[in-house]
Amino acid sequence: MIGFTTKYIPGGTLENPKVPFRFEWIQQLTQLVDFLNLELGIMHQGIAPRNLLIDPDTHKLLLFDFDWVACGKKGLLDGRDDVTNVVFTLYELITNDTHFTSIPHWERNMDTVQSIPE
C-alpha cells in the first residue's frame, strides 16, 4: 500500500456557496489547466468546485483529487476533458447555478452553457 499526506488547508473547497467568487481564480484555474495539459501532458478529468481548495492565507486555488488523471490518451474518458470542466466550473462559481451538477459529465457540452437564455 502506498499513501501520502498533504498540508491541511482550512479554507474548504469552492463547493461552498458562501465563498465569494474572486476573479483572480479564473486566471489561476486556466493557467493551472494549461500547465497540466500542455506542459505535463496530463488531463485531470475531474475539475469541479468540489476539487478546488482555497488557501485562506493566499486566496490561491489548489487542485486535488487526481484519481481520474490521464497521461496523453491513456486513461482518457469520454466527456471528461478539462476545458469543458473549466467552463462548467466557472459558470457554477460565477452564477451560483448548480443545476449542471445533476447532468452526467458525458452529456455536458459547451453548447449547453452558451444556449442559456439571458
C-alpha atoms as a PDB file:
ATOM      1  CA  MET A   1       0.000   0.000   0.000  1.00  0.00           C
ATOM      2  CA  ILE A   2       1.275   3.438  -0.929  1.00  0.00           C
ATOM      3  CA  GLY A   3      -0.005   6.558   0.754  1.00  0.00           C
ATOM      4  CA  PHE A   4       0.843  10.194   1.127  1.00  0.00           C
ATOM      5  CA  THR A   5      -0.393  13.194   3.026  1.00  0.00           C
ATOM      6  CA  THR A   6      -0.557  16.858   2.203  1.00  0.00           C
ATOM      7  CA  LYS A   7      -0.638  20.021   4.226  1.00  0.00           C
ATOM      8  CA  TYR A   8      -4.023  20.727   5.825  1.00  0.00           C
ATOM      9  CA  ILE A   9      -5.788  23.610   4.054  1.00  0.00           C
ATOM     10  CA  PRO A  10      -8.503  25.049   6.344  1.00  0.00           C
ATOM     11  CA  GLY A  11     -10.180  27.177   3.659  1.00  0.00           C
ATOM     12  CA  GLY A  12     -12.510  24.483   2.337  1.00  0.00           C
ATOM     13  CA  THR A  13     -13.486  23.982  -1.289  1.00  0.00           C
ATOM     14  CA  LEU A  14     -15.222  26.153  -3.842  1.00  0.00           C
ATOM     15  CA  GLU A  15     -18.262  23.909  -3.489  1.00  0.00           C
ATOM     16  CA  ASN A  16     -19.262  26.130  -0.543  1.00  0.00           C
ATOM     17  CA  PRO A  17     -21.768  28.662  -1.982  1.00  0.00           C
ATOM     18  CA  LYS A  18     -20.945  31.159   0.796  1.00  0.00           C
ATOM     19  CA  VAL A  19     -17.427  31.679  -0.570  1.00  0.00           C
ATOM     20  CA  PRO A  20     -17.437  34.912  -2.617  1.00  0.00           C
ATOM     21  CA  PHE A  21     -16.073  34.481  -6.117  1.00  0.00           C
ATOM     22  CA  ARG A  22     -12.697  36.102  -6.855  1.00  0.00           C
ATOM     23  CA  PHE A  23     -11.913  36.988 -10.469  1.00  0.00           C
ATOM     24  CA  GLU A  24      -8.262  36.043  -9.972  1.00  0.00           C
ATOM     25  CA  TRP A  25      -9.441  32.419  -9.744  1.00  0.00           C
ATOM     26  CA  ILE A  26     -10.281  32.473 -13.465  1.00  0.00           C
ATOM     27  CA  GLN A  27      -6.655  33.143 -14.304  1.00  0.00           C
ATOM     28  CA  GLN A  28      -5.354  30.688 -11.706  1.00  0.00           C
ATOM     29  CA  LEU A  29      -7.600  27.903 -12.959  1.00  0.00           C
ATOM     30  CA  THR A  30      -6.883  28.437 -16.653  1.00  0.00           C
ATOM     31  CA  GLN A  31      -3.121  28.698 -16.046  1.00  0.00           C
ATOM     32  CA  LEU A  32      -3.235  25.525 -13.963  1.00  0.00           C
ATOM     33  CA  VAL A  33      -5.090  23.606 -16.662  1.00  0.00           C
ATOM     34  CA  ASP A  34      -2.710  24.907 -19.334  1.00  0.00           C
ATOM     35  CA  PHE A  35       0.250  23.749 -17.232  1.00  0.00           C
ATOM     36  CA  LEU A  36      -1.233  20.292 -16.611  1.00  0.00           C
ATOM     37  CA  ASN A  37      -2.380  19.758 -20.209  1.00  0.00           C
ATOM     38  CA  LEU A  38       0.325  21.493 -22.248  1.00  0.00           C
ATOM     39  CA  GLU A  39       3.444  21.252 -20.079  1.00  0.00           C
ATOM     40  CA  LEU A  40       2.936  17.946 -18.257  1.00  0.00           C
ATOM     41  CA  GLY A  41       0.738  16.215 -20.836  1.00  0.00           C
ATOM     42  CA  ILE A  42      -1.846  15.129 -18.295  1.00  0.00           C
ATOM     43  CA  MET A  43      -5.560  15.728 -18.026  1.00  0.00           C
ATOM     44  CA  HIS A  44      -7.152  15.927 -14.572  1.00  0.00           C
ATOM     45  CA  GLN A  45     -10.639  14.921 -15.854  1.00  0.00           C
ATOM     46  CA  GLY A  46     -12.369  15.943 -12.631  1.00  0.00           C
ATOM     47  CA  ILE A  47     -12.121  19.714 -12.388  1.00  0.00           C
ATOM     48  CA  ALA A  48     -15.088  20.881 -10.344  1.00  0.00           C
ATOM     49  CA  PRO A  49     -15.676  23.222  -7.393  1.00  0.00           C
ATOM     50  CA  ARG A  50     -15.535  20.250  -5.001  1.00  0.00           C
ATOM     51  CA  ASN A  51     -11.936  19.553  -6.143  1.00  0.00           C
ATOM     52  CA  LEU A  52     -10.651  23.095  -5.727  1.00  0.00           C
ATOM     53  CA  LEU A  53      -9.366  24.077  -2.299  1.00  0.00           C
ATOM     54  CA  ILE A  54      -8.895  27.684  -1.244  1.00  0.00           C
ATOM     55  CA  ASP A  55      -5.813  28.614   0.725  1.00  0.00           C
ATOM     56  CA  PRO A  56      -7.245  31.194   3.166  1.00  0.00           C
ATOM     57  CA  ASP A  57      -3.880  32.926   3.603  1.00  0.00           C
ATOM     58  CA  THR A  58      -3.106  33.483  -0.092  1.00  0.00           C
ATOM     59  CA  HIS A  59      -6.548  33.040  -1.751  1.00  0.00           C
ATOM     60  CA  LYS A  60      -4.861  30.690  -4.212  1.00  0.00           C
ATOM     61  CA  LEU A  61      -6.655  27.672  -5.622  1.00  0.00           C
ATOM     62  CA  LEU A  62      -5.267  24.200  -5.079  1.00  0.00           C
ATOM     63  CA  LEU A  63      -6.472  21.378  -7.300  1.00  0.00           C
ATOM     64  CA  PHE A  64      -6.699  17.932  -5.732  1.00  0.00           C
ATOM     65  CA  ASP A  65      -8.303  14.533  -6.340  1.00  0.00           C
ATOM     66  CA  PHE A  66      -6.237  13.218  -9.225  1.00  0.00           C
ATOM     67  CA  ASP A  67      -7.911   9.795  -9.279  1.00  0.00           C
ATOM     68  CA  TRP A  68      -9.169  10.193 -12.905  1.00  0.00           C
ATOM     69  CA  VAL A  69      -5.928  11.635 -14.309  1.00  0.00           C
ATOM     70  CA  ALA A  70      -4.933  10.641 -17.841  1.00  0.00           C
ATOM     71  CA  CYS A  71      -1.466  10.778 -19.381  1.00  0.00           C
ATOM     72  CA  GLY A  72      -1.729  11.526 -23.089  1.00  0.00           C
ATOM     73  CA  LYS A  73      -4.531   9.379 -24.491  1.00  0.00           C
ATOM     74  CA  LYS A  74      -4.006   6.607 -21.949  1.00  0.00           C
ATOM     75  CA  GLY A  75      -6.874   6.691 -19.483  1.00  0.00           C
ATOM     76  CA  LEU A  76      -8.749   9.461 -21.305  1.00  0.00           C
ATOM     77  CA  LEU A  77     -12.500   9.176 -20.696  1.00  0.00           C
ATOM     78  CA  ASP A  78     -15.269  10.452 -22.975  1.00  0.00           C
ATOM     79  CA  GLY A  79     -16.741  13.734 -21.813  1.00  0.00           C
ATOM     80  CA  ARG A  80     -14.121  14.421 -19.144  1.00  0.00           C
ATOM     81  CA  ASP A  81     -11.911  16.942 -20.897  1.00  0.00           C
ATOM     82  CA  ASP A  82     -10.500  19.699 -18.723  1.00  0.00           C
ATOM     83  CA  VAL A  83     -11.623  22.598 -20.934  1.00  0.00           C
ATOM     84  CA  THR A  84     -15.289  21.606 -20.669  1.00  0.00           C
ATOM     85  CA  ASN A  85     -14.876  21.030 -16.933  1.00  0.00           C
ATOM     86  CA  VAL A  86     -13.383  24.509 -16.523  1.00  0.00           C
ATOM     87  CA  VAL A  87     -16.301  26.084 -18.427  1.00  0.00           C
ATOM     88  CA  PHE A  88     -18.879  24.355 -16.231  1.00  0.00           C
ATOM     89  CA  THR A  89     -16.903  25.073 -13.064  1.00  0.00           C
ATOM     90  CA  LEU A  90     -16.561  28.775 -13.827  1.00  0.00           C
ATOM     91  CA  TYR A  91     -20.229  29.015 -14.798  1.00  0.00           C
ATOM     92  CA  GLU A  92     -21.226  27.432 -11.490  1.00  0.00           C
ATOM     93  CA  LEU A  93     -18.894  29.659  -9.455  1.00  0.00           C
ATOM     94  CA  ILE A  94     -19.870  32.915 -11.137  1.00  0.00           C
ATOM     95  CA  THR A  95     -23.630  32.307 -11.201  1.00  0.00           C
ATOM     96  CA  ASN A  96     -24.103  30.015  -8.174  1.00  0.00           C
ATOM     97  CA  ASP A  97     -26.253  27.911 -10.513  1.00  0.00           C
ATOM     98  CA  THR A  98     -25.579  24.272  -9.625  1.00  0.00           C
ATOM     99  CA  HIS A  99     -28.181  22.547 -11.794  1.00  0.00           C
ATOM    100  CA  PHE A 100     -25.496  21.264 -14.204  1.00  0.00           C
ATOM    101  CA  THR A 101     -24.050  19.080 -11.454  1.00  0.00           C
ATOM    102  CA  SER A 102     -27.031  16.766 -11.932  1.00  0.00           C
ATOM    103  CA  ILE A 103     -26.126  16.238 -15.614  1.00  0.00           C
ATOM    104  CA  PRO A 104     -23.694  13.347 -16.170  1.00  0.00           C
ATOM    105  CA  HIS A 105     -20.295  14.522 -17.459  1.00  0.00           C
ATOM    106  CA  TRP A 106     -20.684  12.587 -20.727  1.00  0.00           C
ATOM    107  CA  GLU A 107     -23.851  14.590 -21.518  1.00  0.00           C
ATOM    108  CA  ARG A 108     -22.329  18.002 -20.820  1.00  0.00           C
ATOM    109  CA  ASN A 109     -21.110  20.159 -23.660  1.00  0.00           C
ATOM    110  CA  MET A 110     -20.298  23.835 -24.018  1.00  0.00           C
ATOM    111  CA  ASP A 111     -23.340  24.467 -26.203  1.00  0.00           C
ATOM    112  CA  THR A 112     -25.462  23.805 -23.114  1.00  0.00           C
ATOM    113  CA  VAL A 113     -23.926  26.776 -21.301  1.00  0.00           C
ATOM    114  CA  GLN A 114     -23.859  29.016 -24.378  1.00  0.00           C
ATOM    115  CA  SER A 115     -27.551  28.402 -25.104  1.00  0.00           C
ATOM    116  CA  ILE A 116     -28.808  29.514 -21.685  1.00  0.00           C
ATOM    117  CA  PRO A 117     -31.263  32.390 -22.175  1.00  0.00           C
ATOM    118  CA  GLU A 118     -30.256  35.671 -20.572  1.00  0.00           C
END
